[in-house]
Amino acid sequence: MLIPAIIKKNEILEAFKRYYYSDDMMYETGGLGNWLPNIQEETENGRFQYAIVDSEEKLVGYLDYNIDWYCSCAYRFGLISFDSGNPIVGKDLFNEMNKLIHDYKLHRIEWRMIGGNPVERSYDRFCNKFGGTKHVLKDVVKDKYGKYHDDIIYEIINN
């Protein structure tokens, strides 16, 4: 279930800190730096920040994205699961993306991902379901082990 991130702000920030210096943080940030989300008391127009919680309101993930209402585009998605393999995260993301496409009727939805992220197959299926396109930029990000990863860009154009 998605709830406003401000409700779980401190828990989210602490959960992010547990991922410092990890491969999961690299998949979140797209680089080797650590990052904490700036969870705002009053979000700016078009910014959505959610805590993903289970039925007991235990924090399992975080979702952040922006909508440019003028261009009818959702972009700058950030998603992290604090409970690896928990199906609630994928289900809530799917429901939110579905809402952007069918309820808000946004023209364009775009998001990025670092190659090697375990969620890639799920993103591929979701993108295919809505007739989207996957663009792969080869060997863009170098991890701390010296291995290169692709930068993957997904886009769905909703006509």
Foldseek 3Di string as FASTA:
>chain_A
DWDACVVVVVVQQVLQVVCQQHVLQCFQPVANDRDGDPRDPDDDPFKGKIFQADPVRDGFKIWIWGADVVQLEIEDIGIDTSHPPDCSRVVVVLVVVCCSCPVVVRQKYKYKGKAPPPCVVVVVVSLVVQVKDKDWAWFDYADPVRDGIIIIMIMHGRD
